[in-house]
Amino acid sequence: MDKKRLEYYKKKLVARREELLRGIARTEQEGRAADEDPTVDLADKAANSYTKEFLFGQTHNDRALLQLVDDALARIRENTFGECISCHEELQQKRLEAVPWTRYCIGCQEKNERGQL
């Protein structure tokens, strides 16, 4: 992959990383705010508990995506970005454009999802 395209993906990944970090921080703050609500009504407590659980799930998903983005940035540093980590074939540009943190080509991704990888 040429340096110009690599730099393009790096900027895209760094922007996504910063967005995720802001989202995680905001979600954690909202979770803390739900904790501090001095509600005495049982229904309100249940609603707050549901909100905290939802926010926890959202944070978990964002952290998992953040790890994938960090891994992609590491592959850029190691000059292995743009190739499938399984079969080492070059990833399609359309795939990288849609999901720049992807680790697998489409074929290997399908195998991974079926548990064959």
C-alpha atoms as a PDB file:
ATOM      1  CA  MET A   1       0.000   0.000   0.000  1.00  0.00           C
ATOM      2  CA  ASP A   2       1.353   3.422  -0.869  1.00  0.00           C
ATOM      3  CA  LYS A   3       2.227   5.946   1.846  1.00  0.00           C
ATOM      4  CA  LYS A   4      -0.502   8.407   0.869  1.00  0.00           C
ATOM      5  CA  ARG A   5      -3.256   5.786   1.227  1.00  0.00           C
ATOM      6  CA  LEU A   6      -1.703   4.490   4.453  1.00  0.00           C
ATOM      7  CA  GLU A   7      -1.677   8.008   5.901  1.00  0.00           C
ATOM      8  CA  TYR A   8      -5.339   8.414   4.870  1.00  0.00           C
ATOM      9  CA  TYR A   9      -6.326   5.285   6.803  1.00  0.00           C
ATOM     10  CA  LYS A  10      -4.189   6.302   9.767  1.00  0.00           C
ATOM     11  CA  LYS A  11      -5.990   9.656  10.006  1.00  0.00           C
ATOM     12  CA  LYS A  12      -9.339   7.910   9.687  1.00  0.00           C
ATOM     13  CA  LEU A  13      -8.447   5.430  12.440  1.00  0.00           C
ATOM     14  CA  VAL A  14      -7.073   8.122  14.773  1.00  0.00           C
ATOM     15  CA  ALA A  15     -10.269  10.162  14.327  1.00  0.00           C
ATOM     16  CA  ARG A  16     -12.398   7.088  15.077  1.00  0.00           C
ATOM     17  CA  ARG A  17     -10.241   6.323  18.131  1.00  0.00           C
ATOM     18  CA  GLU A  18     -10.741   9.833  19.523  1.00  0.00           C
ATOM     19  CA  GLU A  19     -14.473   9.598  18.869  1.00  0.00           C
ATOM     20  CA  LEU A  20     -14.651   6.288  20.735  1.00  0.00           C
ATOM     21  CA  LEU A  21     -12.665   7.631  23.681  1.00  0.00           C
ATOM     22  CA  ARG A  22     -15.008  10.625  23.975  1.00  0.00           C
ATOM     23  CA  GLY A  23     -18.031   8.323  23.766  1.00  0.00           C
ATOM     24  CA  ILE A  24     -16.681   5.979  26.422  1.00  0.00           C
ATOM     25  CA  ALA A  25     -15.944   8.881  28.776  1.00  0.00           C
ATOM     26  CA  ARG A  26     -19.417  10.361  28.196  1.00  0.00           C
ATOM     27  CA  THR A  27     -21.118   6.999  28.756  1.00  0.00           C
ATOM     28  CA  GLU A  28     -19.184   6.380  31.976  1.00  0.00           C
ATOM     29  CA  GLN A  29     -20.160   9.850  33.214  1.00  0.00           C
ATOM     30  CA  GLU A  30     -23.832   9.157  32.415  1.00  0.00           C
ATOM     31  CA  GLY A  31     -23.568   5.863  34.304  1.00  0.00           C
ATOM     32  CA  ARG A  32     -22.163   7.649  37.341  1.00  0.00           C
ATOM     33  CA  ALA A  33     -24.900  10.281  37.124  1.00  0.00           C
ATOM     34  CA  ALA A  34     -27.550   7.534  37.118  1.00  0.00           C
ATOM     35  CA  ASP A  35     -25.893   6.121  40.245  1.00  0.00           C
ATOM     36  CA  GLU A  36     -26.067   9.439  42.083  1.00  0.00           C
ATOM     37  CA  ASP A  37     -29.809   9.879  41.559  1.00  0.00           C
ATOM     38  CA  PRO A  38     -31.299   9.754  45.081  1.00  0.00           C
ATOM     39  CA  THR A  39     -34.471   7.995  43.957  1.00  0.00           C
ATOM     40  CA  VAL A  40     -36.641   6.261  46.476  1.00  0.00           C
ATOM     41  CA  ASP A  41     -39.345   4.976  44.153  1.00  0.00           C
ATOM     42  CA  LEU A  42     -38.860   1.320  43.229  1.00  0.00           C
ATOM     43  CA  ALA A  43     -39.826   1.877  39.568  1.00  0.00           C
ATOM     44  CA  ASP A  44     -37.305   4.707  39.261  1.00  0.00           C
ATOM     45  CA  LYS A  45     -34.612   2.519  40.793  1.00  0.00           C
ATOM     46  CA  ALA A  46     -35.412  -0.206  38.274  1.00  0.00           C
ATOM     47  CA  ALA A  47     -35.249   2.313  35.416  1.00  0.00           C
ATOM     48  CA  ASN A  48     -31.895   3.592  36.691  1.00  0.00           C
ATOM     49  CA  SER A  49     -30.592   0.043  36.952  1.00  0.00           C
ATOM     50  CA  TYR A  50     -31.682  -0.677  33.379  1.00  0.00           C
ATOM     51  CA  THR A  51     -30.020   2.546  32.187  1.00  0.00           C
ATOM     52  CA  LYS A  52     -26.772   1.656  33.933  1.00  0.00           C
ATOM     53  CA  GLU A  53     -26.833  -1.849  32.439  1.00  0.00           C
ATOM     54  CA  PHE A  54     -27.507  -0.444  28.967  1.00  0.00           C
ATOM     55  CA  LEU A  55     -24.678   2.076  29.309  1.00  0.00           C
ATOM     56  CA  PHE A  56     -22.343  -0.668  30.532  1.00  0.00           C
ATOM     57  CA  GLY A  57     -23.141  -2.746  27.441  1.00  0.00           C
ATOM     58  CA  GLN A  58     -22.565   0.240  25.191  1.00  0.00           C
ATOM     59  CA  THR A  59     -19.219   0.954  26.838  1.00  0.00           C
ATOM     60  CA  HIS A  60     -18.211  -2.694  26.449  1.00  0.00           C
ATOM     61  CA  ASN A  61     -18.956  -2.582  22.707  1.00  0.00           C
ATOM     62  CA  ASP A  62     -17.108   0.719  22.303  1.00  0.00           C
ATOM     63  CA  ARG A  63     -14.083  -0.680  24.155  1.00  0.00           C
ATOM     64  CA  ALA A  64     -14.033  -3.755  21.919  1.00  0.00           C
ATOM     65  CA  LEU A  65     -14.120  -1.535  18.828  1.00  0.00           C
ATOM     66  CA  LEU A  66     -11.429   0.684  20.348  1.00  0.00           C
ATOM     67  CA  GLN A  67      -9.202  -2.382  20.700  1.00  0.00           C
ATOM     68  CA  LEU A  68      -9.733  -3.222  17.015  1.00  0.00           C
ATOM     69  CA  VAL A  69      -8.844   0.355  16.049  1.00  0.00           C
ATOM     70  CA  ASP A  70      -5.719   0.256  18.233  1.00  0.00           C
ATOM     71  CA  ASP A  71      -4.746  -3.071  16.645  1.00  0.00           C
ATOM     72  CA  ALA A  72      -5.155  -1.556  13.167  1.00  0.00           C
ATOM     73  CA  LEU A  73      -2.941   1.389  14.143  1.00  0.00           C
ATOM     74  CA  ALA A  74      -0.337  -1.105  15.393  1.00  0.00           C
ATOM     75  CA  ARG A  75      -0.494  -2.901  12.033  1.00  0.00           C
ATOM     76  CA  ILE A  76       0.178   0.432  10.319  1.00  0.00           C
ATOM     77  CA  ARG A  77       3.290   0.876  12.468  1.00  0.00           C
ATOM     78  CA  GLU A  78       4.366  -2.695  11.670  1.00  0.00           C
ATOM     79  CA  ASN A  79       3.727  -2.250   7.916  1.00  0.00           C
ATOM     80  CA  THR A  80       1.194  -5.092   7.849  1.00  0.00           C
ATOM     81  CA  PHE A  81      -1.919  -2.939   7.518  1.00  0.00           C
ATOM     82  CA  GLY A  82      -4.077  -3.805   4.527  1.00  0.00           C
ATOM     83  CA  GLU A  83      -3.405  -7.523   4.546  1.00  0.00           C
ATOM     84  CA  CYS A  84      -5.517 -10.292   6.040  1.00  0.00           C
ATOM     85  CA  ILE A  85      -3.995 -11.598   9.280  1.00  0.00           C
ATOM     86  CA  SER A  86      -5.058 -15.116   8.360  1.00  0.00           C
ATOM     87  CA  CYS A  87      -4.284 -15.690   4.683  1.00  0.00           C
ATOM     88  CA  HIS A  88      -2.014 -12.622   4.206  1.00  0.00           C
ATOM     89  CA  GLU A  89      -3.841 -11.585   1.026  1.00  0.00           C
ATOM     90  CA  GLU A  90      -4.322  -7.877   0.364  1.00  0.00           C
ATOM     91  CA  LEU A  91      -7.629  -6.535   1.665  1.00  0.00           C
ATOM     92  CA  GLN A  92     -10.033  -4.988  -0.828  1.00  0.00           C
ATOM     93  CA  GLN A  93     -10.049  -1.181  -0.844  1.00  0.00           C
ATOM     94  CA  LYS A  94     -13.857  -1.102  -0.529  1.00  0.00           C
ATOM     95  CA  ARG A  95     -13.628  -3.239   2.603  1.00  0.00           C
ATOM     96  CA  LEU A  96     -10.939  -1.033   4.127  1.00  0.00           C
ATOM     97  CA  GLU A  97     -12.934   2.069   3.280  1.00  0.00           C
ATOM     98  CA  ALA A  98     -16.012   0.700   5.048  1.00  0.00           C
ATOM     99  CA  VAL A  99     -14.221  -0.942   7.996  1.00  0.00           C
ATOM    100  CA  PRO A 100     -10.610   0.292   8.221  1.00  0.00           C
ATOM    101  CA  TRP A 101      -9.998  -1.675  11.451  1.00  0.00           C
ATOM    102  CA  THR A 102     -10.836  -4.990   9.794  1.00  0.00           C
ATOM    103  CA  ARG A 103      -8.366  -7.823  10.303  1.00  0.00           C
ATOM    104  CA  TYR A 104      -9.678 -10.302   7.766  1.00  0.00           C
ATOM    105  CA  CYS A 105     -10.528 -10.453   4.084  1.00  0.00           C
ATOM    106  CA  ILE A 106     -14.161 -11.285   3.360  1.00  0.00           C
ATOM    107  CA  GLY A 107     -13.490 -15.015   2.923  1.00  0.00           C
ATOM    108  CA  CYS A 108     -11.562 -15.344   6.176  1.00  0.00           C
ATOM    109  CA  GLN A 109     -14.116 -13.159   8.009  1.00  0.00           C
ATOM    110  CA  GLU A 110     -16.872 -15.560   6.941  1.00  0.00           C
ATOM    111  CA  LYS A 111     -14.793 -18.524   8.122  1.00  0.00           C
ATOM    112  CA  ASN A 112     -14.137 -16.751  11.424  1.00  0.00           C
ATOM    113  CA  GLU A 113     -17.833 -16.103  11.955  1.00  0.00           C
ATOM    114  CA  ARG A 114     -18.610 -19.790  11.301  1.00  0.00           C
ATOM    115  CA  GLY A 115     -15.908 -20.779  13.803  1.00  0.00           C
ATOM    116  CA  GLN A 116     -13.708 -22.341  11.142  1.00  0.00           C
ATOM    117  CA  LEU A 117     -10.729 -20.067  11.643  1.00  0.00           C
END
